Amino acid sequence: MKLFFRHFGTGQPVIILHGLFGLSDNWVTFGRQLGEHYSVYIPDLRNHGQSPHSKVFDFPSLENDLNEFAEENGLEKILLIGHSLGGKTAMFFTLRHPELVRKLAVIDISLRKSPPGNDHQTLITAMMGVDFNAAKSRSDVEKQLQVTIKSGKLRQFLLKNVYWRDRHSLDWRLDLRSINDNLLSVFEGVDVPGIFPGPTLFIRGGRSDYIRDSDLDELKAKFPAAEVKTIANASHWVHADAPGEFYGLVKNFLDR
């Protein structure tokens, strides 16, 4: 699958993978900053952003997409960064192709299986329930989402996925039906043989439970060189809650 991507800068190749319901646009500010020192690629995962849609949506397919992306762009010794779903994809890929990855940074996600909570299903149901015939602007879409989704920050995150399908009609870029049909698959654990001995950084939010202390032994068994950093006041969206501290941790890790 040929993924849409954004590219900034020159130098050693960095690939950044966004999370569920995200898209490359969420990482543009960070990518431009990092692009002053590295060659930064930010693809849209399948069924997200401007990349193609598919009924198949699981870690083997995401790993295959990333492998094809690296081959098409001639990328080797990759500095790989992934958040949430992107982090699980990055771990899956790295354990399958350790020779292609120089360093791995995983943002607020562990290896374990974590069944989707009510929050995830609520978001999908709310998004699938939007009546675009009654929406003439993004603010109209937000008003419909507001009935179910009370967090303004979360609504703005989801609204990044709204686009003009034609001159008169808005729609979701996301393939919500495929994501909904495969939701259990993307919350599976990462169960791949082998280890990655290279430099690995896990960054977790202090107000998030996606990486628990009880996960650390398993993480360090698969990634024995791993270090874990916690940004105390950050939620699951670590990069958005503490952009300065987050950038400093990642940049220092990549530079070493």
C-alpha atoms as a PDB file:
ATOM      1  CA  MET A   1       0.000   0.000   0.000  1.00  0.00           C
ATOM      2  CA  LYS A   2       1.390   3.399  -1.007  1.00  0.00           C
ATOM      3  CA  LEU A   3       1.079   5.662   2.030  1.00  0.00           C
ATOM      4  CA  PHE A   4       0.645   9.417   1.940  1.00  0.00           C
ATOM      5  CA  PHE A   5       3.432  11.133   3.857  1.00  0.00           C
ATOM      6  CA  ARG A   6       4.974  14.464   4.786  1.00  0.00           C
ATOM      7  CA  HIS A   7       8.720  15.061   4.682  1.00  0.00           C
ATOM      8  CA  PHE A   8      10.950  17.622   6.370  1.00  0.00           C
ATOM      9  CA  GLY A   9      14.705  18.158   6.410  1.00  0.00           C
ATOM     10  CA  THR A  10      17.800  16.175   5.462  1.00  0.00           C
ATOM     11  CA  GLY A  11      20.146  13.792   7.248  1.00  0.00           C
ATOM     12  CA  GLN A  12      19.577  10.497   9.027  1.00  0.00           C
ATOM     13  CA  PRO A  13      16.077   9.130   8.364  1.00  0.00           C
ATOM     14  CA  VAL A  14      13.421   9.437  11.069  1.00  0.00           C
ATOM     15  CA  ILE A  15       9.948   7.924  10.659  1.00  0.00           C
ATOM     16  CA  ILE A  16       7.116   9.073  12.952  1.00  0.00           C
ATOM     17  CA  LEU A  17       3.963   6.944  13.256  1.00  0.00           C
ATOM     18  CA  HIS A  18       0.785   8.547  14.614  1.00  0.00           C
ATOM     19  CA  GLY A  19      -1.852   6.875  16.790  1.00  0.00           C
ATOM     20  CA  LEU A  20      -5.436   5.693  16.303  1.00  0.00           C
ATOM     21  CA  PHE A  21      -7.732   8.434  14.894  1.00  0.00           C
ATOM     22  CA  GLY A  22      -4.610  10.525  14.226  1.00  0.00           C
ATOM     23  CA  LEU A  23      -2.849  11.587  11.050  1.00  0.00           C
ATOM     24  CA  SER A  24       0.479  12.996   9.933  1.00  0.00           C
ATOM     25  CA  ASP A  25      -0.784  16.555  10.364  1.00  0.00           C
ATOM     26  CA  ASN A  26      -0.758  16.066  14.170  1.00  0.00           C
ATOM     27  CA  TRP A  27       3.029  15.768  14.054  1.00  0.00           C
ATOM     28  CA  VAL A  28       3.926  18.581  11.640  1.00  0.00           C
ATOM     29  CA  THR A  29       5.204  21.046  14.268  1.00  0.00           C
ATOM     30  CA  PHE A  30       7.379  18.392  15.908  1.00  0.00           C
ATOM     31  CA  GLY A  31       8.474  17.067  12.496  1.00  0.00           C
ATOM     32  CA  ARG A  32       9.563  20.513  11.313  1.00  0.00           C
ATOM     33  CA  GLN A  33      11.571  21.031  14.501  1.00  0.00           C
ATOM     34  CA  LEU A  34      13.273  17.670  14.125  1.00  0.00           C
ATOM     35  CA  GLY A  35      13.679  18.323  10.405  1.00  0.00           C
ATOM     36  CA  GLU A  36      16.285  20.975  11.219  1.00  0.00           C
ATOM     37  CA  HIS A  37      18.596  18.083  12.130  1.00  0.00           C
ATOM     38  CA  TYR A  38      17.185  14.945  10.475  1.00  0.00           C
ATOM     39  CA  SER A  39      15.294  13.728   7.400  1.00  0.00           C
ATOM     40  CA  VAL A  40      11.817  13.274   8.887  1.00  0.00           C
ATOM     41  CA  TYR A  41       9.079  11.185   7.266  1.00  0.00           C
ATOM     42  CA  ILE A  42       5.540  11.225   8.706  1.00  0.00           C
ATOM     43  CA  PRO A  43       3.200   8.807   6.907  1.00  0.00           C
ATOM     44  CA  ASP A  44      -0.545   8.466   7.363  1.00  0.00           C
ATOM     45  CA  LEU A  45      -1.277   4.887   8.432  1.00  0.00           C
ATOM     46  CA  ARG A  46      -3.727   2.898   6.287  1.00  0.00           C
ATOM     47  CA  ASN A  47      -7.366   3.928   6.859  1.00  0.00           C
ATOM     48  CA  HIS A  48      -6.128   7.275   8.232  1.00  0.00           C
ATOM     49  CA  GLY A  49      -5.476  10.682   6.727  1.00  0.00           C
ATOM     50  CA  GLN A  50      -4.818  10.674   2.997  1.00  0.00           C
ATOM     51  CA  SER A  51      -3.569   7.074   2.798  1.00  0.00           C
ATOM     52  CA  PRO A  52      -5.666   4.372   1.090  1.00  0.00           C
ATOM     53  CA  HIS A  53      -8.451   2.498   2.855  1.00  0.00           C
ATOM     54  CA  SER A  54      -8.588  -1.266   3.333  1.00  0.00           C
ATOM     55  CA  LYS A  55     -10.837  -3.793   5.039  1.00  0.00           C
ATOM     56  CA  VAL A  56      -7.656  -5.347   6.455  1.00  0.00           C
ATOM     57  CA  PHE A  57      -6.386  -3.430   9.476  1.00  0.00           C
ATOM     58  CA  ASP A  58      -4.060  -5.261  11.861  1.00  0.00           C
ATOM     59  CA  PHE A  59      -0.408  -5.235  12.906  1.00  0.00           C
ATOM     60  CA  PRO A  60       0.884  -7.517  10.124  1.00  0.00           C
ATOM     61  CA  SER A  61      -0.686  -5.223   7.495  1.00  0.00           C
ATOM     62  CA  LEU A  62       0.637  -2.069   9.221  1.00  0.00           C
ATOM     63  CA  GLU A  63       4.089  -3.659   9.453  1.00  0.00           C
ATOM     64  CA  ASN A  64       3.987  -4.591   5.762  1.00  0.00           C
ATOM     65  CA  ASP A  65       2.985  -1.030   4.833  1.00  0.00           C
ATOM     66  CA  LEU A  66       5.920   0.355   6.792  1.00  0.00           C
ATOM     67  CA  ASN A  67       8.326  -2.119   5.224  1.00  0.00           C
ATOM     68  CA  GLU A  68       7.137  -1.114   1.746  1.00  0.00           C
ATOM     69  CA  PHE A  69       7.410   2.556   2.720  1.00  0.00           C
ATOM     70  CA  ALA A  70      11.024   2.105   3.835  1.00  0.00           C
ATOM     71  CA  GLU A  71      11.892   0.236   0.615  1.00  0.00           C
ATOM     72  CA  GLU A  72      10.205   2.796  -1.653  1.00  0.00           C
ATOM     73  CA  ASN A  73      12.064   5.666  -0.006  1.00  0.00           C
ATOM     74  CA  GLY A  74      15.381   3.836   0.318  1.00  0.00           C
ATOM     75  CA  LEU A  75      15.407   4.099   4.111  1.00  0.00           C
ATOM     76  CA  GLU A  76      17.809   2.044   6.225  1.00  0.00           C
ATOM     77  CA  LYS A  77      19.094   2.387   9.800  1.00  0.00           C
ATOM     78  CA  ILE A  78      15.871   4.166  10.628  1.00  0.00           C
ATOM     79  CA  LEU A  79      15.272   6.219  13.761  1.00  0.00           C
ATOM     80  CA  LEU A  80      11.717   5.057  14.409  1.00  0.00           C
ATOM     81  CA  ILE A  81       9.205   6.914  16.599  1.00  0.00           C
ATOM     82  CA  GLY A  82       5.635   5.755  17.278  1.00  0.00           C
ATOM     83  CA  HIS A  83       2.813   6.980  19.490  1.00  0.00           C
ATOM     84  CA  SER A  84       0.053   4.686  20.795  1.00  0.00           C
ATOM     85  CA  LEU A  85      -1.096   2.524  17.844  1.00  0.00           C
ATOM     86  CA  GLY A  86       1.946   3.871  15.990  1.00  0.00           C
ATOM     87  CA  GLY A  87       4.104   2.781  18.912  1.00  0.00           C
ATOM     88  CA  LYS A  88       2.758  -0.760  18.812  1.00  0.00           C
ATOM     89  CA  THR A  89       3.289  -0.816  15.049  1.00  0.00           C
ATOM     90  CA  ALA A  90       6.848   0.454  15.557  1.00  0.00           C
ATOM     91  CA  MET A  91       7.600  -2.302  18.101  1.00  0.00           C
ATOM     92  CA  PHE A  92       6.056  -4.973  15.843  1.00  0.00           C
ATOM     93  CA  PHE A  93       8.115  -3.716  12.882  1.00  0.00           C
ATOM     94  CA  THR A  94      11.332  -3.425  14.875  1.00  0.00           C
ATOM     95  CA  LEU A  95      11.106  -6.950  16.278  1.00  0.00           C
ATOM     96  CA  ARG A  96      10.440  -8.273  12.762  1.00  0.00           C
ATOM     97  CA  HIS A  97      13.113  -6.136  11.055  1.00  0.00           C
ATOM     98  CA  PRO A  98      15.751  -5.251  13.666  1.00  0.00           C
ATOM     99  CA  GLU A  99      18.349  -4.774  10.935  1.00  0.00           C
ATOM    100  CA  LEU A 100      16.406  -1.798   9.532  1.00  0.00           C
ATOM    101  CA  VAL A 101      16.070   0.120  12.806  1.00  0.00           C
ATOM    102  CA  ARG A 102      18.929   2.019  14.436  1.00  0.00           C
ATOM    103  CA  LYS A 103      16.952   3.453  17.353  1.00  0.00           C
ATOM    104  CA  LEU A 104      13.367   3.087  18.566  1.00  0.00           C
ATOM    105  CA  ALA A 105      11.283   5.574  20.550  1.00  0.00           C
ATOM    106  CA  VAL A 106       7.855   4.433  21.763  1.00  0.00           C
ATOM    107  CA  ILE A 107       5.401   6.971  23.116  1.00  0.00           C
ATOM    108  CA  ASP A 108       2.951   5.890  25.828  1.00  0.00           C
ATOM    109  CA  ILE A 109       2.114   2.342  24.835  1.00  0.00           C
ATOM    110  CA  SER A 110       3.219  -1.095  26.019  1.00  0.00           C
ATOM    111  CA  LEU A 111       3.378  -4.567  24.486  1.00  0.00           C
ATOM    112  CA  ARG A 112       0.374  -5.929  26.340  1.00  0.00           C
ATOM    113  CA  LYS A 113      -3.070  -6.627  24.977  1.00  0.00           C
ATOM    114  CA  SER A 114      -5.508  -3.949  26.093  1.00  0.00           C
ATOM    115  CA  PRO A 115      -9.127  -4.437  25.020  1.00  0.00           C
ATOM    116  CA  PRO A 116     -10.687  -1.226  23.684  1.00  0.00           C
ATOM    117  CA  GLY A 117     -12.462   0.680  26.412  1.00  0.00           C
ATOM    118  CA  ASN A 118     -15.848   2.306  26.237  1.00  0.00           C
ATOM    119  CA  ASP A 119     -14.135   5.576  25.337  1.00  0.00           C
ATOM    120  CA  HIS A 120     -12.859   4.231  22.013  1.00  0.00           C
ATOM    121  CA  GLN A 121     -16.223   2.803  21.029  1.00  0.00           C
ATOM    122  CA  THR A 122     -17.943   6.029  22.116  1.00  0.00           C
ATOM    123  CA  LEU A 123     -15.661   8.055  19.827  1.00  0.00           C
ATOM    124  CA  ILE A 124     -16.275   5.800  16.832  1.00  0.00           C
ATOM    125  CA  THR A 125     -20.034   5.741  17.429  1.00  0.00           C
ATOM    126  CA  ALA A 126     -20.128   9.530  17.742  1.00  0.00           C
ATOM    127  CA  MET A 127     -18.087  10.001  14.570  1.00  0.00           C
ATOM    128  CA  MET A 128     -20.131   7.487  12.574  1.00  0.00           C
ATOM    129  CA  GLY A 129     -23.287   9.214  13.793  1.00  0.00           C
ATOM    130  CA  VAL A 130     -22.416  12.619  12.305  1.00  0.00           C
ATOM    131  CA  ASP A 131     -24.979  13.711   9.723  1.00  0.00           C
ATOM    132  CA  PHE A 132     -22.880  15.463   7.104  1.00  0.00           C
ATOM    133  CA  ASN A 133     -26.003  16.446   5.155  1.00  0.00           C
ATOM    134  CA  ALA A 134     -26.765  18.772   8.052  1.00  0.00           C
ATOM    135  CA  ALA A 135     -23.175  20.018   8.403  1.00  0.00           C
ATOM    136  CA  LYS A 136     -22.078  22.993   6.336  1.00  0.00           C
ATOM    137  CA  SER A 137     -18.919  23.705   8.348  1.00  0.00           C
ATOM    138  CA  ARG A 138     -16.544  22.092  10.822  1.00  0.00           C
ATOM    139  CA  SER A 139     -18.285  23.966  13.598  1.00  0.00           C
ATOM    140  CA  ASP A 140     -21.533  22.203  12.605  1.00  0.00           C
ATOM    141  CA  VAL A 141     -19.720  18.868  12.899  1.00  0.00           C
ATOM    142  CA  GLU A 142     -18.364  19.891  16.292  1.00  0.00           C
ATOM    143  CA  LYS A 143     -21.851  20.759  17.536  1.00  0.00           C
ATOM    144  CA  GLN A 144     -22.993  17.239  16.672  1.00  0.00           C
ATOM    145  CA  LEU A 145     -19.958  15.665  18.379  1.00  0.00           C
ATOM    146  CA  GLN A 146     -20.445  17.857  21.431  1.00  0.00           C
ATOM    147  CA  VAL A 147     -23.570  15.928  22.398  1.00  0.00           C
ATOM    148  CA  THR A 148     -21.420  12.872  23.198  1.00  0.00           C
ATOM    149  CA  ILE A 149     -17.828  14.092  23.409  1.00  0.00           C
ATOM    150  CA  LYS A 150     -17.532  16.676  26.168  1.00  0.00           C
ATOM    151  CA  SER A 151     -13.791  17.375  25.861  1.00  0.00           C
ATOM    152  CA  GLY A 152     -13.158  20.305  23.540  1.00  0.00           C
ATOM    153  CA  LYS A 153      -9.524  19.219  23.108  1.00  0.00           C
ATOM    154  CA  LEU A 154     -10.613  15.747  22.012  1.00  0.00           C
ATOM    155  CA  ARG A 155     -13.197  17.166  19.593  1.00  0.00           C
ATOM    156  CA  GLN A 156     -10.522  19.346  17.974  1.00  0.00           C
ATOM    157  CA  PHE A 157      -8.261  16.301  17.634  1.00  0.00           C
ATOM    158  CA  LEU A 158     -11.023  14.375  15.835  1.00  0.00           C
ATOM    159  CA  LEU A 159     -12.018  17.346  13.680  1.00  0.00           C
ATOM    160  CA  LYS A 160      -8.563  17.248  12.062  1.00  0.00           C
ATOM    161  CA  ASN A 161     -10.023  14.291  10.151  1.00  0.00           C
ATOM    162  CA  VAL A 162     -12.833  16.295   8.541  1.00  0.00           C
ATOM    163  CA  TYR A 163     -12.277  17.407   4.936  1.00  0.00           C
ATOM    164  CA  TRP A 164     -14.206  18.787   1.973  1.00  0.00           C
ATOM    165  CA  ARG A 165     -15.065  15.753  -0.160  1.00  0.00           C
ATOM    166  CA  ASP A 166     -16.260  18.139  -2.864  1.00  0.00           C
ATOM    167  CA  ARG A 167     -17.272  21.818  -3.021  1.00  0.00           C
ATOM    168  CA  HIS A 168     -20.433  21.244  -1.013  1.00  0.00           C
ATOM    169  CA  SER A 169     -19.875  18.172   1.177  1.00  0.00           C
ATOM    170  CA  LEU A 170     -17.772  17.467   4.242  1.00  0.00           C
ATOM    171  CA  ASP A 171     -16.776  13.934   5.284  1.00  0.00           C
ATOM    172  CA  TRP A 172     -14.336  11.941   7.400  1.00  0.00           C
ATOM    173  CA  ARG A 173     -10.956  11.057   5.906  1.00  0.00           C
ATOM    174  CA  LEU A 174     -10.847   8.072   8.264  1.00  0.00           C
ATOM    175  CA  ASP A 175     -12.227   4.730   7.144  1.00  0.00           C
ATOM    176  CA  LEU A 176     -14.344   4.485  10.280  1.00  0.00           C
ATOM    177  CA  ARG A 177     -16.105   1.292   9.246  1.00  0.00           C
ATOM    178  CA  SER A 178     -12.849  -0.641   8.778  1.00  0.00           C
ATOM    179  CA  ILE A 179     -11.422   0.748  12.004  1.00  0.00           C
ATOM    180  CA  ASN A 180     -14.591  -0.223  13.858  1.00  0.00           C
ATOM    181  CA  ASP A 181     -14.656  -3.701  12.319  1.00  0.00           C
ATOM    182  CA  ASN A 182     -11.010  -4.309  13.293  1.00  0.00           C
ATOM    183  CA  LEU A 183     -10.886  -2.519  16.627  1.00  0.00           C
ATOM    184  CA  LEU A 184     -10.086  -5.686  18.581  1.00  0.00           C
ATOM    185  CA  SER A 185      -7.134  -6.420  16.267  1.00  0.00           C
ATOM    186  CA  VAL A 186      -5.358  -3.131  16.966  1.00  0.00           C
ATOM    187  CA  PHE A 187      -5.724  -3.583  20.712  1.00  0.00           C
ATOM    188  CA  GLU A 188      -4.029  -6.995  20.585  1.00  0.00           C
ATOM    189  CA  GLY A 189      -0.672  -7.373  22.275  1.00  0.00           C
ATOM    190  CA  VAL A 190       2.578  -7.329  20.313  1.00  0.00           C
ATOM    191  CA  ASP A 191       3.632 -10.984  20.342  1.00  0.00           C
ATOM    192  CA  VAL A 192       6.660 -11.261  18.046  1.00  0.00           C
ATOM    193  CA  PRO A 193       9.629 -13.601  18.605  1.00  0.00           C
ATOM    194  CA  GLY A 194      13.092 -12.194  19.225  1.00  0.00           C
ATOM    195  CA  ILE A 195      14.498  -9.079  20.833  1.00  0.00           C
ATOM    196  CA  PHE A 196      15.773  -5.692  19.683  1.00  0.00           C
ATOM    197  CA  PRO A 197      19.141  -4.993  21.312  1.00  0.00           C
ATOM    198  CA  GLY A 198      19.463  -1.453  19.974  1.00  0.00           C
ATOM    199  CA  PRO A 199      18.875   1.829  21.820  1.00  0.00           C
ATOM    200  CA  THR A 200      15.216   2.142  22.828  1.00  0.00           C
ATOM    201  CA  LEU A 201      13.354   4.915  24.628  1.00  0.00           C
ATOM    202  CA  PHE A 202       9.895   4.641  26.189  1.00  0.00           C
ATOM    203  CA  ILE A 203       8.214   7.920  27.130  1.00  0.00           C
ATOM    204  CA  ARG A 204       5.058   7.743  29.214  1.00  0.00           C
ATOM    205  CA  GLY A 205       2.645  10.310  30.563  1.00  0.00           C
ATOM    206  CA  GLY A 206       2.431  10.530  34.335  1.00  0.00           C
ATOM    207  CA  ARG A 207      -1.368  10.868  34.059  1.00  0.00           C
ATOM    208  CA  SER A 208      -1.687   7.879  31.707  1.00  0.00           C
ATOM    209  CA  ASP A 209      -1.833   4.155  32.435  1.00  0.00           C
ATOM    210  CA  TYR A 210      -0.855   2.911  28.975  1.00  0.00           C
ATOM    211  CA  ILE A 211       2.627   2.003  30.308  1.00  0.00           C
ATOM    212  CA  ARG A 212       2.288   0.643  33.841  1.00  0.00           C
ATOM    213  CA  ASP A 213       5.116  -0.300  36.162  1.00  0.00           C
ATOM    214  CA  SER A 214       3.943  -3.900  35.754  1.00  0.00           C
ATOM    215  CA  ASP A 215       4.684  -3.649  31.989  1.00  0.00           C
ATOM    216  CA  LEU A 216       8.354  -2.740  32.411  1.00  0.00           C
ATOM    217  CA  ASP A 217       9.817  -6.229  32.870  1.00  0.00           C
ATOM    218  CA  GLU A 218       8.225  -7.413  29.624  1.00  0.00           C
ATOM    219  CA  LEU A 219       9.362  -4.300  27.759  1.00  0.00           C
ATOM    220  CA  LYS A 220      12.939  -4.691  28.969  1.00  0.00           C
ATOM    221  CA  ALA A 221      12.958  -8.394  28.093  1.00  0.00           C
ATOM    222  CA  LYS A 222      12.161  -7.569  24.446  1.00  0.00           C
ATOM    223  CA  PHE A 223      14.155  -4.317  24.393  1.00  0.00           C
ATOM    224  CA  PRO A 224      17.054  -4.921  26.820  1.00  0.00           C
ATOM    225  CA  ALA A 225      18.679  -1.531  26.179  1.00  0.00           C
ATOM    226  CA  ALA A 226      15.427   0.308  26.934  1.00  0.00           C
ATOM    227  CA  GLU A 227      15.221   3.375  29.123  1.00  0.00           C
ATOM    228  CA  VAL A 228      11.911   4.707  30.418  1.00  0.00           C
ATOM    229  CA  LYS A 229      11.169   8.392  30.928  1.00  0.00           C
ATOM    230  CA  THR A 230       8.006   9.801  32.524  1.00  0.00           C
ATOM    231  CA  ILE A 231       6.624  13.286  31.865  1.00  0.00           C
ATOM    232  CA  ALA A 232       4.757  13.843  35.106  1.00  0.00           C
ATOM    233  CA  ASN A 233       1.952  16.184  34.073  1.00  0.00           C
ATOM    234  CA  ALA A 234       1.244  14.640  30.658  1.00  0.00           C
ATOM    235  CA  SER A 235      -1.675  12.450  29.595  1.00  0.00           C
ATOM    236  CA  HIS A 236      -1.615   9.836  26.824  1.00  0.00           C
ATOM    237  CA  TRP A 237      -1.031  12.703  24.362  1.00  0.00           C
ATOM    238  CA  VAL A 238       2.415  13.366  25.798  1.00  0.00           C
ATOM    239  CA  HIS A 239       3.700  15.288  22.780  1.00  0.00           C
ATOM    240  CA  ALA A 240       0.743  17.697  22.874  1.00  0.00           C
ATOM    241  CA  ASP A 241       0.670  18.197  26.659  1.00  0.00           C
ATOM    242  CA  ALA A 242       4.383  18.895  27.139  1.00  0.00           C
ATOM    243  CA  PRO A 243       5.856  19.668  23.703  1.00  0.00           C
ATOM    244  CA  GLY A 244       9.059  21.291  24.956  1.00  0.00           C
ATOM    245  CA  GLU A 245      10.002  18.559  27.405  1.00  0.00           C
ATOM    246  CA  PHE A 246       8.955  15.869  24.938  1.00  0.00           C
ATOM    247  CA  TYR A 247      11.070  17.339  22.134  1.00  0.00           C
ATOM    248  CA  GLY A 248      14.072  17.596  24.442  1.00  0.00           C
ATOM    249  CA  LEU A 249      13.855  13.941  25.490  1.00  0.00           C
ATOM    250  CA  VAL A 250      13.476  12.662  21.920  1.00  0.00           C
ATOM    251  CA  LYS A 251      16.139  14.944  20.418  1.00  0.00           C
ATOM    252  CA  ASN A 252      18.652  14.012  23.116  1.00  0.00           C
ATOM    253  CA  PHE A 253      17.955  10.307  22.547  1.00  0.00           C
ATOM    254  CA  LEU A 254      18.358  10.559  18.776  1.00  0.00           C
ATOM    255  CA  ASP A 255      21.508  12.674  18.999  1.00  0.00           C
ATOM    256  CA  ARG A 256      23.403  10.313  21.289  1.00  0.00           C
END
